[in-house]
Amino acid sequence: METHFNESELAACVRRELEQYFKDLDGEPPAGIYEMVLNCVEKPLLEVILDRAGSNQSRAAEWLGINRNTLRKKMQQHGIK
């Protein structure tokens, strides 16, 4: 069974939301977009991966391709226990 991650669908979703964000600004200058988008994507990513890894931080970090200490830091930043 071949599985795949639909990168183009995720990118299209982010693009749609950013376009709506700019429309909602109604000409006001944006602020902190990069951090806003990362926070919106990173927290659910970490939550899903940790859930799938059975809360095993070493396994989750391996799947994410990051150091376990980096994972712990990101969990703390997002209030994930």
PDB file of N, CA and C in Angstrom:
ATOM      1  N   MET A   1       0.839  -1.177   0.000  1.00  0.00           N
ATOM      2  CA  MET A   1       0.000   0.000   0.000  1.00  0.00           C
ATOM      3  C   MET A   1       0.889   1.247   0.000  1.00  0.00           C
ATOM      4  N   GLU A   2       0.711   2.081  -0.965  1.00  0.00           N
ATOM      5  CA  GLU A   2       1.502   3.306  -1.057  1.00  0.00           C
ATOM      6  C   GLU A   2       0.726   4.452  -0.417  1.00  0.00           C
ATOM      7  N   THR A   3       1.392   5.180   0.452  1.00  0.00           N
ATOM      8  CA  THR A   3       0.773   6.351   1.063  1.00  0.00           C
ATOM      9  C   THR A   3       1.554   7.576   0.633  1.00  0.00           C
ATOM     10  N   HIS A   4       0.895   8.704   0.635  1.00  0.00           N
ATOM     11  CA  HIS A   4       1.576   9.936   0.257  1.00  0.00           C
ATOM     12  C   HIS A   4       0.994  11.101   1.036  1.00  0.00           C
ATOM     13  N   PHE A   5       1.781  12.116   1.134  1.00  0.00           N
ATOM     14  CA  PHE A   5       1.373  13.354   1.780  1.00  0.00           C
ATOM     15  C   PHE A   5       1.097  14.353   0.680  1.00  0.00           C
ATOM     16  N   ASN A   6      -0.080  14.914   0.683  1.00  0.00           N
ATOM     17  CA  ASN A   6      -0.463  15.833  -0.377  1.00  0.00           C
ATOM     18  C   ASN A   6       0.048  17.239  -0.056  1.00  0.00           C
ATOM     19  N   GLU A   7       1.292  17.487  -0.429  1.00  0.00           N
ATOM     20  CA  GLU A   7       1.913  18.786  -0.161  1.00  0.00           C
ATOM     21  C   GLU A   7       1.176  19.913  -0.856  1.00  0.00           C
ATOM     22  N   SER A   8       0.726  19.667  -2.076  1.00  0.00           N
ATOM     23  CA  SER A   8       0.062  20.739  -2.820  1.00  0.00           C
ATOM     24  C   SER A   8      -1.261  21.122  -2.166  1.00  0.00           C
ATOM     25  N   GLU A   9      -1.962  20.169  -1.564  1.00  0.00           N
ATOM     26  CA  GLU A   9      -3.221  20.479  -0.879  1.00  0.00           C
ATOM     27  C   GLU A   9      -2.964  21.321   0.366  1.00  0.00           C
ATOM     28  N   LEU A  10      -1.940  20.964   1.119  1.00  0.00           N
ATOM     29  CA  LEU A  10      -1.585  21.745   2.302  1.00  0.00           C
ATOM     30  C   LEU A  10      -1.152  23.148   1.899  1.00  0.00           C
ATOM     31  N   ALA A  11      -0.324  23.245   0.868  1.00  0.00           N
ATOM     32  CA  ALA A  11       0.136  24.553   0.387  1.00  0.00           C
ATOM     33  C   ALA A  11      -1.045  25.395  -0.084  1.00  0.00           C
ATOM     34  N   ALA A  12      -1.998  24.776  -0.778  1.00  0.00           N
ATOM     35  CA  ALA A  12      -3.174  25.503  -1.257  1.00  0.00           C
ATOM     36  C   ALA A  12      -4.011  26.002  -0.086  1.00  0.00           C
ATOM     37  N   CYS A  13      -4.128  25.198   0.956  1.00  0.00           N
ATOM     38  CA  CYS A  13      -4.874  25.601   2.150  1.00  0.00           C
ATOM     39  C   CYS A  13      -4.211  26.812   2.813  1.00  0.00           C
ATOM     40  N   VAL A  14      -2.903  26.753   2.965  1.00  0.00           N
ATOM     41  CA  VAL A  14      -2.168  27.875   3.566  1.00  0.00           C
ATOM     42  C   VAL A  14      -2.327  29.121   2.701  1.00  0.00           C
ATOM     43  N   ARG A  15      -2.209  28.949   1.401  1.00  0.00           N
ATOM     44  CA  ARG A  15      -2.344  30.072   0.468  1.00  0.00           C
ATOM     45  C   ARG A  15      -3.731  30.720   0.592  1.00  0.00           C
ATOM     46  N   ARG A  16      -4.785  29.891   0.619  1.00  0.00           N
ATOM     47  CA  ARG A  16      -6.158  30.409   0.754  1.00  0.00           C
ATOM     48  C   ARG A  16      -6.320  31.204   2.043  1.00  0.00           C
ATOM     49  N   GLU A  17      -5.818  30.649   3.131  1.00  0.00           N
ATOM     50  CA  GLU A  17      -5.957  31.323   4.423  1.00  0.00           C
ATOM     51  C   GLU A  17      -5.175  32.633   4.464  1.00  0.00           C
ATOM     52  N   LEU A  18      -3.996  32.648   3.856  1.00  0.00           N
ATOM     53  CA  LEU A  18      -3.224  33.892   3.812  1.00  0.00           C
ATOM     54  C   LEU A  18      -3.912  34.942   2.952  1.00  0.00           C
ATOM     55  N   GLU A  19      -4.481  34.521   1.834  1.00  0.00           N
ATOM     56  CA  GLU A  19      -5.221  35.466   0.987  1.00  0.00           C
ATOM     57  C   GLU A  19      -6.391  36.058   1.766  1.00  0.00           C
ATOM     58  N   GLN A  20      -7.099  35.213   2.528  1.00  0.00           N
ATOM     59  CA  GLN A  20      -8.214  35.708   3.338  1.00  0.00           C
ATOM     60  C   GLN A  20      -7.709  36.642   4.429  1.00  0.00           C
ATOM     61  N   TYR A  21      -6.577  36.314   5.019  1.00  0.00           N
ATOM     62  CA  TYR A  21      -5.975  37.158   6.049  1.00  0.00           C
ATOM     63  C   TYR A  21      -5.719  38.560   5.504  1.00  0.00           C
ATOM     64  N   PHE A  22      -5.143  38.631   4.301  1.00  0.00           N
ATOM     65  CA  PHE A  22      -4.863  39.939   3.701  1.00  0.00           C
ATOM     66  C   PHE A  22      -6.149  40.682   3.353  1.00  0.00           C
ATOM     67  N   LYS A  23      -7.167  39.968   2.908  1.00  0.00           N
ATOM     68  CA  LYS A  23      -8.461  40.615   2.638  1.00  0.00           C
ATOM     69  C   LYS A  23      -9.043  41.186   3.923  1.00  0.00           C
ATOM     70  N   ASP A  24      -8.952  40.411   4.995  1.00  0.00           N
ATOM     71  CA  ASP A  24      -9.490  40.850   6.280  1.00  0.00           C
ATOM     72  C   ASP A  24      -8.741  42.054   6.842  1.00  0.00           C
ATOM     73  N   LEU A  25      -7.477  42.204   6.470  1.00  0.00           N
ATOM     74  CA  LEU A  25      -6.706  43.362   6.933  1.00  0.00           C
ATOM     75  C   LEU A  25      -7.228  44.656   6.332  1.00  0.00           C
ATOM     76  N   ASP A  26      -7.850  44.543   5.176  1.00  0.00           N
ATOM     77  CA  ASP A  26      -8.463  45.698   4.515  1.00  0.00           C
ATOM     78  C   ASP A  26      -7.495  46.878   4.408  1.00  0.00           C
ATOM     79  N   GLY A  27      -6.285  46.579   3.926  1.00  0.00           N
ATOM     80  CA  GLY A  27      -5.312  47.640   3.697  1.00  0.00           C
ATOM     81  C   GLY A  27      -4.380  47.916   4.861  1.00  0.00           C
ATOM     82  N   GLU A  28      -4.690  47.389   6.033  1.00  0.00           N
ATOM     83  CA  GLU A  28      -3.807  47.577   7.185  1.00  0.00           C
ATOM     84  C   GLU A  28      -2.529  46.765   6.965  1.00  0.00           C
ATOM     85  N   PRO A  29      -1.403  47.242   7.463  1.00  0.00           N
ATOM     86  CA  PRO A  29      -0.158  46.488   7.271  1.00  0.00           C
ATOM     87  C   PRO A  29      -0.148  45.212   8.119  1.00  0.00           C
ATOM     88  N   PRO A  30       0.339  44.120   7.544  1.00  0.00           N
ATOM     89  CA  PRO A  30       0.420  42.870   8.302  1.00  0.00           C
ATOM     90  C   PRO A  30       1.566  42.919   9.306  1.00  0.00           C
ATOM     91  N   ALA A  31       1.481  42.057  10.302  1.00  0.00           N
ATOM     92  CA  ALA A  31       2.554  41.995  11.301  1.00  0.00           C
ATOM     93  C   ALA A  31       2.768  40.556  11.743  1.00  0.00           C
ATOM     94  N   GLY A  32       4.009  40.131  11.774  1.00  0.00           N
ATOM     95  CA  GLY A  32       4.358  38.826  12.321  1.00  0.00           C
ATOM     96  C   GLY A  32       3.773  37.633  11.592  1.00  0.00           C
ATOM     97  N   ILE A  33       3.642  37.736  10.282  1.00  0.00           N
ATOM     98  CA  ILE A  33       3.001  36.668   9.509  1.00  0.00           C
ATOM     99  C   ILE A  33       3.778  35.357   9.608  1.00  0.00           C
ATOM    100  N   TYR A  34       5.071  35.416   9.489  1.00  0.00           N
ATOM    101  CA  TYR A  34       5.885  34.194   9.503  1.00  0.00           C
ATOM    102  C   TYR A  34       5.649  33.404  10.788  1.00  0.00           C
ATOM    103  N   GLU A  35       5.779  34.067  11.921  1.00  0.00           N
ATOM    104  CA  GLU A  35       5.585  33.404  13.210  1.00  0.00           C
ATOM    105  C   GLU A  35       4.144  32.928  13.368  1.00  0.00           C
ATOM    106  N   MET A  36       3.188  33.715  12.908  1.00  0.00           N
ATOM    107  CA  MET A  36       1.781  33.348  12.997  1.00  0.00           C
ATOM    108  C   MET A  36       1.513  32.041  12.251  1.00  0.00           C
ATOM    109  N   VAL A  37       2.015  31.947  11.026  1.00  0.00           N
ATOM    110  CA  VAL A  37       1.788  30.744  10.215  1.00  0.00           C
ATOM    111  C   VAL A  37       2.497  29.541  10.837  1.00  0.00           C
ATOM    112  N   LEU A  38       3.737  29.725  11.256  1.00  0.00           N
ATOM    113  CA  LEU A  38       4.460  28.614  11.878  1.00  0.00           C
ATOM    114  C   LEU A  38       3.733  28.101  13.112  1.00  0.00           C
ATOM    115  N   ASN A  39       3.256  29.002  13.947  1.00  0.00           N
ATOM    116  CA  ASN A  39       2.535  28.590  15.149  1.00  0.00           C
ATOM    117  C   ASN A  39       1.247  27.855  14.811  1.00  0.00           C
ATOM    118  N   CYS A  40       0.554  28.301  13.791  1.00  0.00           N
ATOM    119  CA  CYS A  40      -0.703  27.658  13.391  1.00  0.00           C
ATOM    120  C   CYS A  40      -0.471  26.253  12.853  1.00  0.00           C
ATOM    121  N   VAL A  41       0.642  26.035  12.204  1.00  0.00           N
ATOM    122  CA  VAL A  41       0.931  24.735  11.596  1.00  0.00           C
ATOM    123  C   VAL A  41       1.690  23.826  12.568  1.00  0.00           C
ATOM    124  N   GLU A  42       2.621  24.392  13.306  1.00  0.00           N
ATOM    125  CA  GLU A  42       3.512  23.583  14.131  1.00  0.00           C
ATOM    126  C   GLU A  42       2.791  22.876  15.280  1.00  0.00           C
ATOM    127  N   LYS A  43       1.894  23.559  15.972  1.00  0.00           N
ATOM    128  CA  LYS A  43       1.229  22.942  17.123  1.00  0.00           C
ATOM    129  C   LYS A  43       0.425  21.708  16.728  1.00  0.00           C
ATOM    130  N   PRO A  44      -0.471  21.790  15.734  1.00  0.00           N
ATOM    131  CA  PRO A  44      -1.196  20.565  15.371  1.00  0.00           C
ATOM    132  C   PRO A  44      -0.275  19.483  14.808  1.00  0.00           C
ATOM    133  N   LEU A  45       0.786  19.875  14.125  1.00  0.00           N
ATOM    134  CA  LEU A  45       1.758  18.900  13.624  1.00  0.00           C
ATOM    135  C   LEU A  45       2.355  18.121  14.788  1.00  0.00           C
ATOM    136  N   LEU A  46       2.814  18.835  15.797  1.00  0.00           N
ATOM    137  CA  LEU A  46       3.407  18.183  16.961  1.00  0.00           C
ATOM    138  C   LEU A  46       2.391  17.305  17.679  1.00  0.00           C
ATOM    139  N   GLU A  47       1.172  17.799  17.841  1.00  0.00           N
ATOM    140  CA  GLU A  47       0.137  17.034  18.536  1.00  0.00           C
ATOM    141  C   GLU A  47      -0.178  15.723  17.818  1.00  0.00           C
ATOM    142  N   VAL A  48      -0.321  15.783  16.511  1.00  0.00           N
ATOM    143  CA  VAL A  48      -0.641  14.574  15.742  1.00  0.00           C
ATOM    144  C   VAL A  48       0.515  13.583  15.789  1.00  0.00           C
ATOM    145  N   ILE A  49       1.726  14.072  15.585  1.00  0.00           N
ATOM    146  CA  ILE A  49       2.888  13.182  15.587  1.00  0.00           C
ATOM    147  C   ILE A  49       3.071  12.536  16.958  1.00  0.00           C
ATOM    148  N   LEU A  50       2.944  13.323  18.016  1.00  0.00           N
ATOM    149  CA  LEU A  50       3.083  12.762  19.362  1.00  0.00           C
ATOM    150  C   LEU A  50       2.000  11.722  19.639  1.00  0.00           C
ATOM    151  N   ASP A  51       0.792  11.991  19.191  1.00  0.00           N
ATOM    152  CA  ASP A  51      -0.297  11.031  19.368  1.00  0.00           C
ATOM    153  C   ASP A  51       0.010   9.735  18.621  1.00  0.00           C
ATOM    154  N   ARG A  52       0.428   9.861  17.369  1.00  0.00           N
ATOM    155  CA  ARG A  52       0.741   8.682  16.546  1.00  0.00           C
ATOM    156  C   ARG A  52       1.942   7.911  17.086  1.00  0.00           C
ATOM    157  N   ALA A  53       2.850   8.624  17.751  1.00  0.00           N
ATOM    158  CA  ALA A  53       4.039   7.987  18.321  1.00  0.00           C
ATOM    159  C   ALA A  53       3.768   7.462  19.729  1.00  0.00           C
ATOM    160  N   GLY A  54       2.509   7.515  20.156  1.00  0.00           N
ATOM    161  CA  GLY A  54       2.163   7.031  21.492  1.00  0.00           C
ATOM    162  C   GLY A  54       2.821   7.837  22.590  1.00  0.00           C
ATOM    163  N   SER A  55       2.984   9.135  22.368  1.00  0.00           N
ATOM    164  CA  SER A  55       3.635  10.070  23.297  1.00  0.00           C
ATOM    165  C   SER A  55       5.118   9.778  23.499  1.00  0.00           C
ATOM    166  N   ASN A  56       5.686   8.931  22.669  1.00  0.00           N
ATOM    167  CA  ASN A  56       7.112   8.627  22.736  1.00  0.00           C
ATOM    168  C   ASN A  56       7.870   9.764  22.045  1.00  0.00           C
ATOM    169  N   GLN A  57       8.499  10.612  22.856  1.00  0.00           N
ATOM    170  CA  GLN A  57       9.157  11.797  22.322  1.00  0.00           C
ATOM    171  C   GLN A  57      10.345  11.454  21.430  1.00  0.00           C
ATOM    172  N   SER A  58      11.069  10.414  21.757  1.00  0.00           N
ATOM    173  CA  SER A  58      12.205  10.019  20.912  1.00  0.00           C
ATOM    174  C   SER A  58      11.727   9.618  19.527  1.00  0.00           C
ATOM    175  N   ARG A  59      10.670   8.816  19.482  1.00  0.00           N
ATOM    176  CA  ARG A  59      10.122   8.379  18.199  1.00  0.00           C
ATOM    177  C   ARG A  59       9.553   9.575  17.432  1.00  0.00           C
ATOM    178  N   ALA A  60       8.817  10.439  18.125  1.00  0.00           N
ATOM    179  CA  ALA A  60       8.233  11.613  17.474  1.00  0.00           C
ATOM    180  C   ALA A  60       9.328  12.500  16.892  1.00  0.00           C
ATOM    181  N   ALA A  61      10.381  12.733  17.655  1.00  0.00           N
ATOM    182  CA  ALA A  61      11.493  13.560  17.172  1.00  0.00           C
ATOM    183  C   ALA A  61      12.137  12.926  15.947  1.00  0.00           C
ATOM    184  N   GLU A  62      12.298  11.612  15.980  1.00  0.00           N
ATOM    185  CA  GLU A  62      12.880  10.905  14.836  1.00  0.00           C
ATOM    186  C   GLU A  62      11.996  11.079  13.602  1.00  0.00           C
ATOM    187  N   TRP A  63      10.693  10.890  13.764  1.00  0.00           N
ATOM    188  CA  TRP A  63       9.766  11.040  12.638  1.00  0.00           C
ATOM    189  C   TRP A  63       9.791  12.455  12.077  1.00  0.00           C
ATOM    190  N   LEU A  64       9.942  13.434  12.974  1.00  0.00           N
ATOM    191  CA  LEU A  64       9.974  14.835  12.545  1.00  0.00           C
ATOM    192  C   LEU A  64      11.333  15.233  11.968  1.00  0.00           C
ATOM    193  N   GLY A  65      12.351  14.432  12.249  1.00  0.00           N
ATOM    194  CA  GLY A  65      13.690  14.756  11.776  1.00  0.00           C
ATOM    195  C   GLY A  65      14.342  15.866  12.576  1.00  0.00           C
ATOM    196  N   ILE A  66      13.970  15.940  13.872  1.00  0.00           N
ATOM    197  CA  ILE A  66      14.552  16.957  14.746  1.00  0.00           C
ATOM    198  C   ILE A  66      15.111  16.282  15.994  1.00  0.00           C
ATOM    199  N   ASN A  67      15.949  16.998  16.717  1.00  0.00           N
ATOM    200  CA  ASN A  67      16.524  16.533  17.964  1.00  0.00           C
ATOM    201  C   ASN A  67      15.432  16.458  19.031  1.00  0.00           C
ATOM    202  N   ARG A  68      15.532  15.488  19.924  1.00  0.00           N
ATOM    203  CA  ARG A  68      14.532  15.339  20.986  1.00  0.00           C
ATOM    204  C   ARG A  68      14.444  16.587  21.861  1.00  0.00           C
ATOM    205  N   ASN A  69      15.576  17.225  22.141  1.00  0.00           N
ATOM    206  CA  ASN A  69      15.550  18.454  22.941  1.00  0.00           C
ATOM    207  C   ASN A  69      14.825  19.573  22.203  1.00  0.00           C
ATOM    208  N   THR A  70      14.978  19.619  20.889  1.00  0.00           N
ATOM    209  CA  THR A  70      14.251  20.607  20.083  1.00  0.00           C
ATOM    210  C   THR A  70      12.756  20.337  20.171  1.00  0.00           C
ATOM    211  N   LEU A  71      12.373  19.072  20.101  1.00  0.00           N
ATOM    212  CA  LEU A  71      10.958  18.714  20.234  1.00  0.00           C
ATOM    213  C   LEU A  71      10.426  19.167  21.585  1.00  0.00           C
ATOM    214  N   ARG A  72      11.157  18.889  22.634  1.00  0.00           N
ATOM    215  CA  ARG A  72      10.717  19.294  23.982  1.00  0.00           C
ATOM    216  C   ARG A  72      10.559  20.808  24.078  1.00  0.00           C
ATOM    217  N   LYS A  73      11.492  21.541  23.508  1.00  0.00           N
ATOM    218  CA  LYS A  73      11.416  23.004  23.522  1.00  0.00           C
ATOM    219  C   LYS A  73      10.163  23.477  22.792  1.00  0.00           C
ATOM    220  N   LYS A  74       9.888  22.884  21.632  1.00  0.00           N
ATOM    221  CA  LYS A  74       8.717  23.268  20.849  1.00  0.00           C
ATOM    222  C   LYS A  74       7.429  22.882  21.574  1.00  0.00           C
ATOM    223  N   MET A  75       7.430  21.743  22.246  1.00  0.00           N
ATOM    224  CA  MET A  75       6.267  21.334  23.029  1.00  0.00           C
ATOM    225  C   MET A  75       5.993  22.354  24.129  1.00  0.00           C
ATOM    226  N   GLN A  76       7.039  22.787  24.794  1.00  0.00           N
ATOM    227  CA  GLN A  76       6.897  23.775  25.860  1.00  0.00           C
ATOM    228  C   GLN A  76       6.371  25.096  25.302  1.00  0.00           C
ATOM    229  N   GLN A  77       6.900  25.528  24.164  1.00  0.00           N
ATOM    230  CA  GLN A  77       6.456  26.774  23.543  1.00  0.00           C
ATOM    231  C   GLN A  77       4.968  26.750  23.216  1.00  0.00           C
ATOM    232  N   HIS A  78       4.461  25.569  22.836  1.00  0.00           N
ATOM    233  CA  HIS A  78       3.062  25.439  22.428  1.00  0.00           C
ATOM    234  C   HIS A  78       2.161  24.929  23.550  1.00  0.00           C
ATOM    235  N   GLY A  79       2.715  24.747  24.746  1.00  0.00           N
ATOM    236  CA  GLY A  79       1.917  24.274  25.872  1.00  0.00           C
ATOM    237  C   GLY A  79       1.446  22.837  25.717  1.00  0.00           C
ATOM    238  N   ILE A  80       2.266  22.019  25.079  1.00  0.00           N
ATOM    239  CA  ILE A  80       1.934  20.607  24.873  1.00  0.00           C
ATOM    240  C   ILE A  80       2.653  19.796  25.940  1.00  0.00           C
ATOM    241  N   LYS A  81       1.900  18.944  26.624  1.00  0.00           N
ATOM    242  CA  LYS A  81       2.506  18.117  27.683  1.00  0.00           C
ATOM    243  C   LYS A  81       2.629  16.693  27.240  1.00  0.00           C
TER     244      LYS A  81
END
